[in-house]
Amino acid sequence: MMLPVIRAFIAIDLTPEIQERLDQVSDQLKDRLKSAPIRWVPVENIHLTLKFLGKVSMANFEMLTSIIQTVTSGHQPFEISIGGLGAYPKLHHPRVIWVGVEAPQDLAMAQRSLETETARLGYAREDRPFSPHLTLGRVARNASTRDIRATAEELTSFKVGFLGVVRVQAVRLYQSDLKPDGAVYKCLFSAPLGE
């Protein structure tokens, strides 16, 4: 019997206060970028992703939860600061619009450990260096040069200050179900830090 395969990722949750502030930022940007072809991420789906796994066989589920638990047990809870606006690959050529995350070394170390350990299970390593961020929206692949330029101009003139602090106390494994009206996330496992 074949075990089911799911889409999954490892992430850190935000607080309701930060989600609310991100929602306000997102609403202001939507207002300024009304005509731009951007898929906005619903605020309840915004997480700090540590590792996108892609397709995961449920046969690997226990090994994955064990990896997450081992990594989190080696780190005490820590705080991350949320604020600032940016875009990938760059602000003047936006494809992904994000709010920044400033974090202590603990976050990068935990992410590196997750990257290394999941690679041993066969999950592809990320080819870009880890850069913590919260994705607000993605510019459509078929966006015209004019749309991209107009979006870049708005983003350059729009300032996002400090939005607050999140105390990171757990790392979670999420299932991502792609529905016609967007992704639906379900937490499958949560590992507290420092235990």
C-alpha atoms as a PDB file:
ATOM      1  CA  MET A   1       0.000   0.000   0.000  1.00  0.00           C
ATOM      2  CA  MET A   2       1.366   3.400  -0.991  1.00  0.00           C
ATOM      3  CA  LEU A   3       1.583   5.941   1.812  1.00  0.00           C
ATOM      4  CA  PRO A   4       0.139   9.347   0.954  1.00  0.00           C
ATOM      5  CA  VAL A   5       2.408  12.177  -0.216  1.00  0.00           C
ATOM      6  CA  ILE A   6       1.823  15.710   1.023  1.00  0.00           C
ATOM      7  CA  ARG A   7       3.375  19.136   0.335  1.00  0.00           C
ATOM      8  CA  ALA A   8       5.081  20.347   3.482  1.00  0.00           C
ATOM      9  CA  PHE A   9       7.318  23.000   4.997  1.00  0.00           C
ATOM     10  CA  ILE A  10       8.932  23.819   8.348  1.00  0.00           C
ATOM     11  CA  ALA A  11       8.131  27.243   9.791  1.00  0.00           C
ATOM     12  CA  ILE A  12       7.780  29.574  12.758  1.00  0.00           C
ATOM     13  CA  ASP A  13       4.401  31.096  13.606  1.00  0.00           C
ATOM     14  CA  LEU A  14       3.809  34.796  14.158  1.00  0.00           C
ATOM     15  CA  THR A  15       1.762  36.402  16.917  1.00  0.00           C
ATOM     16  CA  PRO A  16      -1.782  37.732  16.256  1.00  0.00           C
ATOM     17  CA  GLU A  17      -0.441  41.292  16.886  1.00  0.00           C
ATOM     18  CA  ILE A  18       2.219  40.935  14.182  1.00  0.00           C
ATOM     19  CA  GLN A  19      -0.312  39.345  11.813  1.00  0.00           C
ATOM     20  CA  GLU A  20      -2.603  42.318  12.347  1.00  0.00           C
ATOM     21  CA  ARG A  21       0.213  44.784  11.591  1.00  0.00           C
ATOM     22  CA  LEU A  22       1.213  42.813   8.485  1.00  0.00           C
ATOM     23  CA  ASP A  23      -2.442  42.913   7.428  1.00  0.00           C
ATOM     24  CA  GLN A  24      -2.425  46.717   7.702  1.00  0.00           C
ATOM     25  CA  VAL A  25       0.790  46.950   5.643  1.00  0.00           C
ATOM     26  CA  SER A  26      -0.641  44.531   3.084  1.00  0.00           C
ATOM     27  CA  ASP A  27      -3.913  46.527   2.827  1.00  0.00           C
ATOM     28  CA  GLN A  28      -2.009  49.787   2.261  1.00  0.00           C
ATOM     29  CA  LEU A  29       0.110  48.166  -0.447  1.00  0.00           C
ATOM     30  CA  LYS A  30      -2.938  46.586  -2.138  1.00  0.00           C
ATOM     31  CA  ASP A  31      -4.481  50.048  -2.194  1.00  0.00           C
ATOM     32  CA  ARG A  32      -1.389  51.573  -3.808  1.00  0.00           C
ATOM     33  CA  LEU A  33      -0.867  48.678  -6.226  1.00  0.00           C
ATOM     34  CA  LYS A  34      -4.498  48.121  -7.255  1.00  0.00           C
ATOM     35  CA  SER A  35      -3.753  47.504 -10.916  1.00  0.00           C
ATOM     36  CA  ALA A  36      -0.588  45.448 -10.452  1.00  0.00           C
ATOM     37  CA  PRO A  37      -0.859  41.672 -11.068  1.00  0.00           C
ATOM     38  CA  ILE A  38       0.146  40.569  -7.553  1.00  0.00           C
ATOM     39  CA  ARG A  39      -1.016  37.465  -5.678  1.00  0.00           C
ATOM     40  CA  TRP A  40      -1.257  38.600  -2.060  1.00  0.00           C
ATOM     41  CA  VAL A  41      -0.664  36.066   0.712  1.00  0.00           C
ATOM     42  CA  PRO A  42      -3.582  35.899   3.181  1.00  0.00           C
ATOM     43  CA  VAL A  43      -2.214  37.137   6.506  1.00  0.00           C
ATOM     44  CA  GLU A  44      -3.125  33.911   8.323  1.00  0.00           C
ATOM     45  CA  ASN A  45      -0.802  32.083   5.880  1.00  0.00           C
ATOM     46  CA  ILE A  46       2.223  34.277   6.572  1.00  0.00           C
ATOM     47  CA  HIS A  47       4.928  32.360   8.457  1.00  0.00           C
ATOM     48  CA  LEU A  48       8.662  32.541   8.757  1.00  0.00           C
ATOM     49  CA  THR A  49       9.579  29.564   6.579  1.00  0.00           C
ATOM     50  CA  LEU A  50      12.749  27.770   7.639  1.00  0.00           C
ATOM     51  CA  LYS A  51      12.636  24.969   5.085  1.00  0.00           C
ATOM     52  CA  PHE A  52      10.298  24.253   2.181  1.00  0.00           C
ATOM     53  CA  LEU A  53      10.301  20.478   1.804  1.00  0.00           C
ATOM     54  CA  GLY A  54       7.993  20.076  -1.187  1.00  0.00           C
ATOM     55  CA  LYS A  55       6.610  16.569  -1.590  1.00  0.00           C
ATOM     56  CA  VAL A  56       6.864  14.519   1.588  1.00  0.00           C
ATOM     57  CA  SER A  57       5.981  10.854   1.849  1.00  0.00           C
ATOM     58  CA  MET A  58       4.210  10.057   5.098  1.00  0.00           C
ATOM     59  CA  ALA A  59       6.803   7.273   5.404  1.00  0.00           C
ATOM     60  CA  ASN A  60       9.305  10.037   6.288  1.00  0.00           C
ATOM     61  CA  PHE A  61       6.994  11.745   8.773  1.00  0.00           C
ATOM     62  CA  GLU A  62       8.534  10.289  11.933  1.00  0.00           C
ATOM     63  CA  MET A  63      12.091  10.970  10.747  1.00  0.00           C
ATOM     64  CA  LEU A  64      11.163  14.575   9.960  1.00  0.00           C
ATOM     65  CA  THR A  65       9.511  15.162  13.337  1.00  0.00           C
ATOM     66  CA  SER A  66      12.543  13.606  15.013  1.00  0.00           C
ATOM     67  CA  ILE A  67      14.887  15.974  13.096  1.00  0.00           C
ATOM     68  CA  ILE A  68      12.786  19.008  14.085  1.00  0.00           C
ATOM     69  CA  GLN A  69      12.741  17.901  17.724  1.00  0.00           C
ATOM     70  CA  THR A  70      16.491  17.336  17.815  1.00  0.00           C
ATOM     71  CA  VAL A  71      17.197  20.753  16.273  1.00  0.00           C
ATOM     72  CA  THR A  72      14.764  22.669  18.516  1.00  0.00           C
ATOM     73  CA  SER A  73      16.009  20.958  21.682  1.00  0.00           C
ATOM     74  CA  GLY A  74      19.431  22.508  21.039  1.00  0.00           C
ATOM     75  CA  HIS A  75      18.098  26.094  21.096  1.00  0.00           C
ATOM     76  CA  GLN A  76      16.493  28.188  23.814  1.00  0.00           C
ATOM     77  CA  PRO A  77      13.530  30.453  22.891  1.00  0.00           C
ATOM     78  CA  PHE A  78      14.680  33.706  21.259  1.00  0.00           C
ATOM     79  CA  GLU A  79      13.187  36.890  19.818  1.00  0.00           C
ATOM     80  CA  ILE A  80      12.975  38.116  16.245  1.00  0.00           C
ATOM     81  CA  SER A  81      12.199  41.705  15.167  1.00  0.00           C
ATOM     82  CA  ILE A  82       9.821  42.364  12.299  1.00  0.00           C
ATOM     83  CA  GLY A  83       9.955  45.442  10.059  1.00  0.00           C
ATOM     84  CA  GLY A  84      11.173  47.056   6.869  1.00  0.00           C
ATOM     85  CA  LEU A  85      10.058  46.310   3.310  1.00  0.00           C
ATOM     86  CA  GLY A  86      11.989  44.656   0.516  1.00  0.00           C
ATOM     87  CA  ALA A  87      11.671  42.555  -2.613  1.00  0.00           C
ATOM     88  CA  TYR A  88      13.448  39.692  -4.343  1.00  0.00           C
ATOM     89  CA  PRO A  89      15.491  39.609  -6.472  1.00  0.00           C
ATOM     90  CA  LYS A  90      15.719  43.362  -5.750  1.00  0.00           C
ATOM     91  CA  LEU A  91      13.476  46.332  -4.978  1.00  0.00           C
ATOM     92  CA  HIS A  92      13.830  47.736  -8.508  1.00  0.00           C
ATOM     93  CA  HIS A  93      12.797  44.425 -10.061  1.00  0.00           C
ATOM     94  CA  PRO A  94      10.279  42.951  -7.609  1.00  0.00           C
ATOM     95  CA  ARG A  95       9.037  39.371  -7.927  1.00  0.00           C
ATOM     96  CA  VAL A  96       8.462  38.642  -4.241  1.00  0.00           C
ATOM     97  CA  ILE A  97       7.415  41.448  -1.858  1.00  0.00           C
ATOM     98  CA  TRP A  98       8.408  40.909   1.765  1.00  0.00           C
ATOM     99  CA  VAL A  99       8.706  42.355   5.245  1.00  0.00           C
ATOM    100  CA  GLY A 100      12.078  41.859   6.910  1.00  0.00           C
ATOM    101  CA  VAL A 101      13.062  39.768   9.916  1.00  0.00           C
ATOM    102  CA  GLU A 102      16.028  40.517  12.158  1.00  0.00           C
ATOM    103  CA  ALA A 103      17.065  37.523  14.204  1.00  0.00           C
ATOM    104  CA  PRO A 104      19.860  36.364  16.491  1.00  0.00           C
ATOM    105  CA  GLN A 105      22.399  33.788  15.307  1.00  0.00           C
ATOM    106  CA  ASP A 106      20.163  31.072  16.836  1.00  0.00           C
ATOM    107  CA  LEU A 107      17.748  31.311  13.927  1.00  0.00           C
ATOM    108  CA  ALA A 108      20.430  30.887  11.249  1.00  0.00           C
ATOM    109  CA  MET A 109      21.986  28.009  13.196  1.00  0.00           C
ATOM    110  CA  ALA A 110      18.642  26.216  13.603  1.00  0.00           C
ATOM    111  CA  GLN A 111      17.837  26.758   9.916  1.00  0.00           C
ATOM    112  CA  ARG A 112      21.244  25.431   8.830  1.00  0.00           C
ATOM    113  CA  SER A 113      20.779  22.313  10.984  1.00  0.00           C
ATOM    114  CA  LEU A 114      17.327  21.709   9.464  1.00  0.00           C
ATOM    115  CA  GLU A 115      18.762  22.208   5.965  1.00  0.00           C
ATOM    116  CA  THR A 116      21.605  19.724   6.611  1.00  0.00           C
ATOM    117  CA  GLU A 117      19.485  17.075   8.327  1.00  0.00           C
ATOM    118  CA  THR A 118      16.619  17.176   5.790  1.00  0.00           C
ATOM    119  CA  ALA A 119      19.181  16.983   2.942  1.00  0.00           C
ATOM    120  CA  ARG A 120      20.306  13.653   4.423  1.00  0.00           C
ATOM    121  CA  LEU A 121      16.731  12.433   3.946  1.00  0.00           C
ATOM    122  CA  GLY A 122      16.905  13.484   0.303  1.00  0.00           C
ATOM    123  CA  TYR A 123      15.200  16.913   0.395  1.00  0.00           C
ATOM    124  CA  ALA A 124      16.885  19.356  -1.969  1.00  0.00           C
ATOM    125  CA  ARG A 125      19.109  21.994  -0.413  1.00  0.00           C
ATOM    126  CA  GLU A 126      18.114  25.611  -0.984  1.00  0.00           C
ATOM    127  CA  ASP A 127      20.522  27.115  -3.528  1.00  0.00           C
ATOM    128  CA  ARG A 128      20.213  30.636  -2.079  1.00  0.00           C
ATOM    129  CA  PRO A 129      21.610  31.583   1.330  1.00  0.00           C
ATOM    130  CA  PHE A 130      18.940  31.718   4.064  1.00  0.00           C
ATOM    131  CA  SER A 131      17.480  35.196   4.334  1.00  0.00           C
ATOM    132  CA  PRO A 132      14.630  35.368   6.868  1.00  0.00           C
ATOM    133  CA  HIS A 133      11.599  37.254   5.524  1.00  0.00           C
ATOM    134  CA  LEU A 134       7.791  37.243   5.534  1.00  0.00           C
ATOM    135  CA  THR A 135       6.271  37.080   2.047  1.00  0.00           C
ATOM    136  CA  LEU A 136       3.389  39.521   1.519  1.00  0.00           C
ATOM    137  CA  GLY A 137       2.833  38.938  -2.188  1.00  0.00           C
ATOM    138  CA  ARG A 138       4.202  37.596  -5.452  1.00  0.00           C
ATOM    139  CA  VAL A 139       4.223  39.522  -8.718  1.00  0.00           C
ATOM    140  CA  ALA A 140       2.663  37.434 -11.496  1.00  0.00           C
ATOM    141  CA  ARG A 141       5.146  35.775 -13.856  1.00  0.00           C
ATOM    142  CA  ASN A 142       3.406  37.356 -16.841  1.00  0.00           C
ATOM    143  CA  ALA A 143       3.563  40.907 -15.401  1.00  0.00           C
ATOM    144  CA  SER A 144       4.514  43.491 -18.018  1.00  0.00           C
ATOM    145  CA  THR A 145       7.683  45.573 -17.728  1.00  0.00           C
ATOM    146  CA  ARG A 146       5.427  48.575 -17.056  1.00  0.00           C
ATOM    147  CA  ASP A 147       3.664  46.750 -14.183  1.00  0.00           C
ATOM    148  CA  ILE A 148       7.008  45.762 -12.667  1.00  0.00           C
ATOM    149  CA  ARG A 149       8.358  49.303 -12.976  1.00  0.00           C
ATOM    150  CA  ALA A 150       5.202  50.804 -11.407  1.00  0.00           C
ATOM    151  CA  THR A 151       5.335  48.242  -8.580  1.00  0.00           C
ATOM    152  CA  ALA A 152       9.034  49.012  -7.972  1.00  0.00           C
ATOM    153  CA  GLU A 153       8.287  52.761  -7.788  1.00  0.00           C
ATOM    154  CA  GLU A 154       5.531  52.242  -5.213  1.00  0.00           C
ATOM    155  CA  LEU A 155       7.664  49.877  -3.127  1.00  0.00           C
ATOM    156  CA  THR A 156      10.607  52.286  -3.169  1.00  0.00           C
ATOM    157  CA  SER A 157       8.464  55.156  -1.879  1.00  0.00           C
ATOM    158  CA  PHE A 158       6.535  53.058   0.668  1.00  0.00           C
ATOM    159  CA  LYS A 159       8.175  52.779   4.078  1.00  0.00           C
ATOM    160  CA  VAL A 160       7.505  50.084   6.648  1.00  0.00           C
ATOM    161  CA  GLY A 161       8.886  50.784  10.106  1.00  0.00           C
ATOM    162  CA  PHE A 162       9.392  48.459  13.056  1.00  0.00           C
ATOM    163  CA  LEU A 163       6.295  46.259  13.463  1.00  0.00           C
ATOM    164  CA  GLY A 164       7.192  44.460  16.673  1.00  0.00           C
ATOM    165  CA  VAL A 165       8.869  41.438  18.193  1.00  0.00           C
ATOM    166  CA  VAL A 166       7.957  37.749  18.125  1.00  0.00           C
ATOM    167  CA  ARG A 167       9.226  35.424  20.828  1.00  0.00           C
ATOM    168  CA  VAL A 168      10.030  32.172  19.047  1.00  0.00           C
ATOM    169  CA  GLN A 169       9.106  29.246  21.279  1.00  0.00           C
ATOM    170  CA  ALA A 170       8.405  26.463  18.787  1.00  0.00           C
ATOM    171  CA  VAL A 171       9.076  25.235  15.260  1.00  0.00           C
ATOM    172  CA  ARG A 172       6.250  23.602  13.308  1.00  0.00           C
ATOM    173  CA  LEU A 173       5.806  21.201  10.426  1.00  0.00           C
ATOM    174  CA  TYR A 174       2.979  22.290   8.120  1.00  0.00           C
ATOM    175  CA  GLN A 175       1.040  20.552   5.395  1.00  0.00           C
ATOM    176  CA  SER A 176       0.175  22.812   2.468  1.00  0.00           C
ATOM    177  CA  ASP A 177      -2.916  21.941   0.430  1.00  0.00           C
ATOM    178  CA  LEU A 178      -3.161  23.861  -2.834  1.00  0.00           C
ATOM    179  CA  LYS A 179      -6.783  24.852  -3.461  1.00  0.00           C
ATOM    180  CA  PRO A 180      -8.125  26.876  -6.406  1.00  0.00           C
ATOM    181  CA  ASP A 181      -8.444  29.960  -4.162  1.00  0.00           C
ATOM    182  CA  GLY A 182      -5.040  29.564  -2.504  1.00  0.00           C
ATOM    183  CA  ALA A 183      -3.100  27.347  -0.119  1.00  0.00           C
ATOM    184  CA  VAL A 184      -4.559  25.960   3.093  1.00  0.00           C
ATOM    185  CA  TYR A 185      -2.052  25.165   5.836  1.00  0.00           C
ATOM    186  CA  LYS A 186      -2.442  22.612   8.588  1.00  0.00           C
ATOM    187  CA  CYS A 187       0.019  22.165  11.464  1.00  0.00           C
ATOM    188  CA  LEU A 188       1.021  18.494  11.688  1.00  0.00           C
ATOM    189  CA  PHE A 189       3.674  18.764  14.380  1.00  0.00           C
ATOM    190  CA  SER A 190       5.077  21.319  16.804  1.00  0.00           C
ATOM    191  CA  ALA A 191       8.399  21.114  18.663  1.00  0.00           C
ATOM    192  CA  PRO A 192       9.066  23.554  21.527  1.00  0.00           C
ATOM    193  CA  LEU A 193      12.506  25.130  21.749  1.00  0.00           C
ATOM    194  CA  GLY A 194      14.851  24.136  24.549  1.00  0.00           C
ATOM    195  CA  GLU A 195      13.137  20.883  25.543  1.00  0.00           C
END
